[in-house]
Structure formats: structure tokens, C-alpha cells
Amino acid sequence: MKQIALDIGLAPGPSLANFLPGQNQLVLEHLSLWVSNQVRSPVPTYIWGEMGCGKSHLLQAVRTALGEQGGLGSVGWMDPQLVEPGAFSEDWQVVLLDDVHLYSAVQQHAAFNWFVNATAATDGQQRWVLASGAMPPSDLPVREDLRTRLAWGHVFQLQLLSEIERRSVLRQHADARGLFLSDEVMDYLLHRFSRDLASLMHWLDQLDRYALQTKRAITVPLVRDMMEQL
């Protein structure tokens, strides 16, 4: 099979504004208040839920929002792809730990160190820790001292969106790219990727690129052709 190779990046980045909360309004309000500086509590926050519910989207959205503010200073970020995490930096104002259930022993050690330094306030300033995982803190396959700290503060469970809500997200992201998706295409995508929102966004990105490459409208036959090329 051939790989589609295109370097056109048209997808809008994750933001709190383009996160459709569904049943997750409470966690969205919590993060929005903190980012907007209305509630700047140092109490850590942990969000969890199964794949496709929007955990990484929210952490990346917070990272982007804080970076745009500038005055907050830099942000410490760790995810499973960061194989060799660096040392904690006092320049950080926030520590973001994504997908902690996938951390290696080295990453768990670094995450614990970052967490302790962020909340210790040795320089007189406590820092916020926002983390995510696929399960509640008590079930995380990580070292005990990290597990207990992730359970210490606010804990939110993210719920998967309903099919109607997933359809709305797909339509929203397609509109942001200037794409027209017929009901037939929407039904095809939702049937094939009925629960995994992350997969839906991935295929929408692929469709956007493939339609540009082939200069064809997005139809079910186009989707099938594209999948045969991957």
C-alpha cells in the first residue's frame, strides 16, 4: 500500500473554544476559569477517560492558551513520546502531564520529581499540575508515590460524546477547514469510527489532504479510494 505524503497542514489546533463538552461541561469550565486567571488555585487537577474522549485535546488546549498569554512564563510538558524528560525548571509556571498511564519508569520518576517541585513552593510560588490518564488515579500502573499525588486534587472523568455530539464535532471541524461533508459521508465515517473521536479527527485530516491532492469532492468513493492508498 502507498502512503499519502502531503505537508499541507490545515487542521485547526486544539483549543478550549473548539472542544465540544457534551457531558463534560464541568471540567471545561474548571480549565477555562483557571486559564482565564479567574481561579488560579495551585491544587492539581487530573482528568481521565477512555481513548477518544478528548484528554490530550484539553491538555494541548491549555498549553496553547497559557503560551499565548506570555506573562505566565514557560510550561513544563511531558507525554509518552518524551523519552528522556529533562529536569524541572523554576521558570515553569505550570506542569502538564499527558497520558501518564503510558509512562515508562524513567518518565514516572521525572513526573514525580516535576510534581513535587511544582507543588513544594520552595521559591515561594506554587505551580499548577494538570495531568491526564486512561483510568482513575487508583488504577494507574505507575509508582505509588506518583499515583497518590495524582489523586490528591481535583479529579474529573471525561465521558465519550454521543453519536449526535460526535456528528456535531465532525461538522464543526469540517466547517473550520471549508470542507463539505454530505450526510452520506458523515454516516460512513461515524459508522466506521463510531466511538473514537480521535480517529474521526485523524480521518478528517487525511480526507482534507487527499481531496486536495486528487482535486476531488469528498464522497464515500473518495473515502474508500483513500483508505486503499494507506
Protein backbone atom coordinates (compact mmCIF):
# COMPACT_ATOMS: atom_id res chain seq x y z
CA MET A 1 0.00 0.00 0.00
CA LYS A 2 1.18 3.52 -0.74
CA GLN A 3 1.46 6.19 1.91
CA ILE A 4 -0.11 9.55 1.16
CA ALA A 5 2.64 12.12 1.60
CA LEU A 6 1.47 15.68 1.88
CA ASP A 7 2.80 18.53 4.00
CA ILE A 8 -0.33 20.66 3.92
CA GLY A 9 -1.44 21.36 7.49
CA LEU A 10 -4.94 22.81 7.53
CA ALA A 11 -6.31 21.40 10.77
CA PRO A 12 -7.08 23.97 13.46
CA GLY A 13 -5.13 23.34 16.64
CA PRO A 14 -6.77 22.12 19.85
CA SER A 15 -8.38 24.90 21.88
CA LEU A 16 -10.85 25.20 24.70
CA ALA A 17 -13.16 27.00 22.28
CA ASN A 18 -13.33 24.11 19.80
CA PHE A 19 -13.79 21.42 22.47
CA LEU A 20 -17.41 20.21 22.40
CA PRO A 21 -18.06 19.30 26.04
CA GLY A 22 -21.20 17.19 25.87
CA GLN A 23 -21.45 15.81 29.41
CA ASN A 24 -18.02 17.27 30.25
CA GLN A 25 -19.08 20.89 30.80
CA LEU A 26 -17.82 20.93 34.39
CA VAL A 27 -14.21 20.10 33.51
CA LEU A 28 -14.24 22.58 30.60
CA GLU A 29 -15.45 25.34 32.94
CA HIS A 30 -12.80 24.37 35.50
CA LEU A 31 -9.97 24.61 32.97
CA SER A 32 -11.36 27.77 31.36
CA LEU A 33 -11.58 29.56 34.70
CA TRP A 34 -8.02 28.65 35.57
CA VAL A 35 -6.61 29.66 32.18
CA SER A 36 -8.53 32.94 32.24
CA ASN A 37 -6.91 33.76 35.61
CA GLN A 38 -10.27 33.95 37.36
CA VAL A 39 -9.43 30.95 39.53
CA ARG A 40 -5.68 30.42 39.82
CA SER A 41 -5.63 27.73 42.52
CA PRO A 42 -2.43 25.65 42.83
CA VAL A 43 -4.47 22.49 43.63
CA PRO A 44 -3.57 19.87 40.98
CA THR A 45 -6.12 18.53 38.50
CA TYR A 46 -6.33 15.05 36.99
CA ILE A 47 -8.68 14.13 34.12
CA TRP A 48 -9.29 10.59 32.93
CA GLY A 49 -11.32 8.67 30.40
CA GLU A 50 -11.06 6.17 27.59
CA MET A 51 -9.36 6.84 24.25
CA GLY A 52 -11.09 9.42 22.11
CA CYS A 53 -12.82 11.38 24.89
CA GLY A 54 -10.60 14.47 24.49
CA LYS A 55 -7.99 14.28 27.27
CA SER A 56 -4.99 15.23 25.12
CA HIS A 57 -7.06 17.86 23.32
CA LEU A 58 -7.73 19.61 26.63
CA LEU A 59 -4.12 19.49 27.80
CA GLN A 60 -2.85 20.77 24.46
CA ALA A 61 -5.52 23.49 24.52
CA VAL A 62 -4.39 24.62 27.98
CA ARG A 63 -0.77 24.56 26.83
CA THR A 64 -1.60 26.75 23.83
CA ALA A 65 -3.72 29.18 25.84
CA LEU A 66 -1.06 29.65 28.51
CA GLY A 67 1.64 30.09 25.88
CA GLU A 68 -0.38 32.80 24.16
CA GLN A 69 -0.67 34.72 27.43
CA GLY A 70 3.08 35.13 27.58
CA GLY A 71 3.18 36.53 31.09
CA LEU A 72 2.81 33.12 32.68
CA GLY A 73 6.24 32.03 31.60
CA SER A 74 7.06 28.65 30.14
CA VAL A 75 5.16 25.41 30.58
CA GLY A 76 6.59 22.01 31.50
CA TRP A 77 5.12 19.35 29.21
CA MET A 78 5.53 15.57 29.29
CA ASP A 79 3.88 12.84 27.22
CA PRO A 80 4.92 9.24 26.41
CA GLN A 81 6.86 10.43 23.34
CA LEU A 82 9.26 12.43 25.54
CA VAL A 83 11.64 9.52 26.11
CA GLU A 84 14.21 11.38 28.23
CA PRO A 85 12.49 14.15 30.21
CA GLY A 86 14.71 16.96 31.43
CA ALA A 87 14.96 18.34 34.93
CA PHE A 88 12.29 20.52 36.49
CA SER A 89 12.71 24.21 35.70
CA GLU A 90 11.78 27.01 38.09
CA ASP A 91 10.88 29.06 35.01
CA TRP A 92 7.83 26.84 34.58
CA GLN A 93 4.55 28.16 35.93
CA VAL A 94 2.55 25.05 35.01
CA VAL A 95 3.33 21.33 34.65
CA LEU A 96 1.26 19.32 32.14
CA LEU A 97 1.48 15.51 32.21
CA ASP A 98 -0.38 13.78 29.36
CA ASP A 99 -1.25 10.06 29.17
CA VAL A 100 0.51 9.17 32.42
CA HIS A 101 -0.76 5.57 32.21
CA LEU A 102 1.76 5.02 29.40
CA TYR A 103 4.81 6.43 31.19
CA SER A 104 7.97 4.38 31.42
CA ALA A 105 9.85 4.02 34.71
CA VAL A 106 12.12 6.91 33.67
CA GLN A 107 9.15 9.11 32.81
CA GLN A 108 7.40 8.21 36.08
CA HIS A 109 10.49 9.23 38.03
CA ALA A 110 10.64 12.56 36.18
CA ALA A 111 6.88 13.14 36.56
CA PHE A 112 7.12 12.57 40.32
CA ASN A 113 10.07 14.97 40.52
CA TRP A 114 8.24 17.61 38.48
CA PHE A 115 5.09 17.20 40.60
CA VAL A 116 6.96 17.53 43.91
CA ASN A 117 8.91 20.58 42.76
CA ALA A 118 5.83 22.22 41.27
CA THR A 119 3.80 21.92 44.47
CA ALA A 120 6.59 22.38 47.03
CA ALA A 121 6.79 26.17 46.54
CA THR A 122 10.48 26.21 47.54
CA ASP A 123 10.82 29.55 45.74
CA GLY A 124 7.61 30.88 47.29
CA GLN A 125 5.43 30.07 44.30
CA GLN A 126 3.22 27.01 43.92
CA ARG A 127 2.59 25.82 40.38
CA TRP A 128 -0.45 24.13 38.90
CA VAL A 129 -0.18 20.48 37.79
CA LEU A 130 -2.65 19.23 35.18
CA ALA A 131 -2.44 15.54 34.25
CA SER A 132 -4.42 13.02 32.22
CA GLY A 133 -4.72 9.26 32.01
CA ALA A 134 -6.95 6.47 30.77
CA MET A 135 -8.14 5.42 34.22
CA PRO A 136 -8.77 6.83 37.71
CA PRO A 137 -5.65 7.53 39.78
CA SER A 138 -6.14 4.48 42.00
CA ASP A 139 -5.89 2.17 38.96
CA LEU A 140 -2.90 3.76 37.26
CA PRO A 141 0.01 1.37 36.56
CA VAL A 142 2.57 3.82 37.94
CA ARG A 143 4.68 4.10 41.07
CA GLU A 144 2.68 4.54 44.26
CA ASP A 145 4.03 7.97 45.22
CA LEU A 146 3.07 9.39 41.83
CA ARG A 147 -0.33 7.68 41.90
CA THR A 148 -1.26 9.16 45.29
CA ARG A 149 -0.22 12.65 44.24
CA LEU A 150 -2.30 12.49 41.06
CA ALA A 151 -5.30 11.60 43.24
CA TRP A 152 -4.71 14.45 45.67
CA GLY A 153 -6.56 17.32 43.96
CA HIS A 154 -9.46 17.73 41.55
CA VAL A 155 -10.30 14.53 39.63
CA PHE A 156 -12.66 14.57 36.63
CA GLN A 157 -13.86 11.71 34.46
CA LEU A 158 -14.41 12.59 30.80
CA GLN A 159 -17.38 10.96 29.09
CA LEU A 160 -17.41 9.96 25.44
CA LEU A 161 -19.64 12.04 23.22
CA SER A 162 -22.91 10.63 21.92
CA GLU A 163 -23.26 9.94 18.19
CA ILE A 164 -25.16 13.21 17.74
CA GLU A 165 -22.39 15.09 19.55
CA ARG A 166 -19.67 13.34 17.53
CA ARG A 167 -21.52 14.34 14.37
CA SER A 168 -21.54 17.93 15.60
CA VAL A 169 -17.78 17.83 16.29
CA LEU A 170 -17.09 16.37 12.86
CA ARG A 171 -19.24 19.04 11.22
CA GLN A 172 -17.56 21.79 13.25
CA HIS A 173 -14.05 20.69 12.29
CA ALA A 174 -15.03 20.20 8.64
CA ASP A 175 -16.53 23.70 8.52
CA ALA A 176 -13.32 25.11 10.01
CA ARG A 177 -11.44 23.65 7.03
CA GLY A 178 -14.01 24.82 4.49
CA LEU A 179 -15.00 21.21 3.72
CA PHE A 180 -18.44 19.98 2.75
CA LEU A 181 -19.35 16.59 4.16
CA SER A 182 -22.59 15.11 2.89
CA ASP A 183 -24.84 13.16 5.25
CA GLU A 184 -23.74 10.02 3.40
CA VAL A 185 -20.07 10.70 4.13
CA MET A 186 -20.84 11.60 7.74
CA ASP A 187 -22.79 8.37 8.21
CA TYR A 188 -19.95 6.36 6.65
CA LEU A 189 -17.32 7.88 8.94
CA LEU A 190 -19.44 7.63 12.07
CA HIS A 191 -20.34 4.01 11.33
CA ARG A 192 -16.70 3.05 10.82
CA PHE A 193 -15.34 5.07 13.75
CA SER A 194 -18.42 5.17 15.94
CA ARG A 195 -16.77 5.73 19.34
CA ASP A 196 -13.26 7.04 18.76
CA LEU A 197 -13.30 10.80 18.25
CA ALA A 198 -9.51 10.89 17.85
CA SER A 199 -9.80 8.51 14.88
CA LEU A 200 -12.54 10.65 13.35
CA MET A 201 -10.29 13.71 13.51
CA HIS A 202 -7.41 11.72 12.04
CA TRP A 203 -9.51 10.58 9.09
CA LEU A 204 -10.86 14.08 8.56
CA ASP A 205 -7.27 15.34 8.31
CA GLN A 206 -6.47 12.59 5.82
CA LEU A 207 -9.59 13.36 3.79
CA ASP A 208 -8.71 17.04 3.65
CA ARG A 209 -5.25 16.26 2.30
CA TYR A 210 -6.37 13.54 -0.10
CA ALA A 211 -9.16 15.68 -1.58
CA LEU A 212 -6.64 18.46 -2.20
CA GLN A 213 -4.15 16.04 -3.72
CA THR A 214 -6.68 14.44 -6.07
CA LYS A 215 -8.75 17.61 -6.63
CA ARG A 216 -11.95 15.68 -5.98
CA ALA A 217 -15.00 16.36 -3.84
CA ILE A 218 -15.30 14.36 -0.64
CA THR A 219 -17.62 11.42 -1.31
CA VAL A 220 -17.87 7.87 0.01
CA PRO A 221 -16.00 6.53 -3.08
CA LEU A 222 -13.22 9.05 -2.37
CA VAL A 223 -13.02 7.86 1.23
CA ARG A 224 -12.74 4.25 0.07
CA ASP A 225 -10.08 5.15 -2.52
CA MET A 226 -8.09 6.99 0.12
CA MET A 227 -8.22 4.08 2.55
CA GLU A 228 -6.91 1.74 -0.15
CA GLN A 229 -3.89 4.04 -0.60
CA LEU A 230 -2.92 3.94 3.08
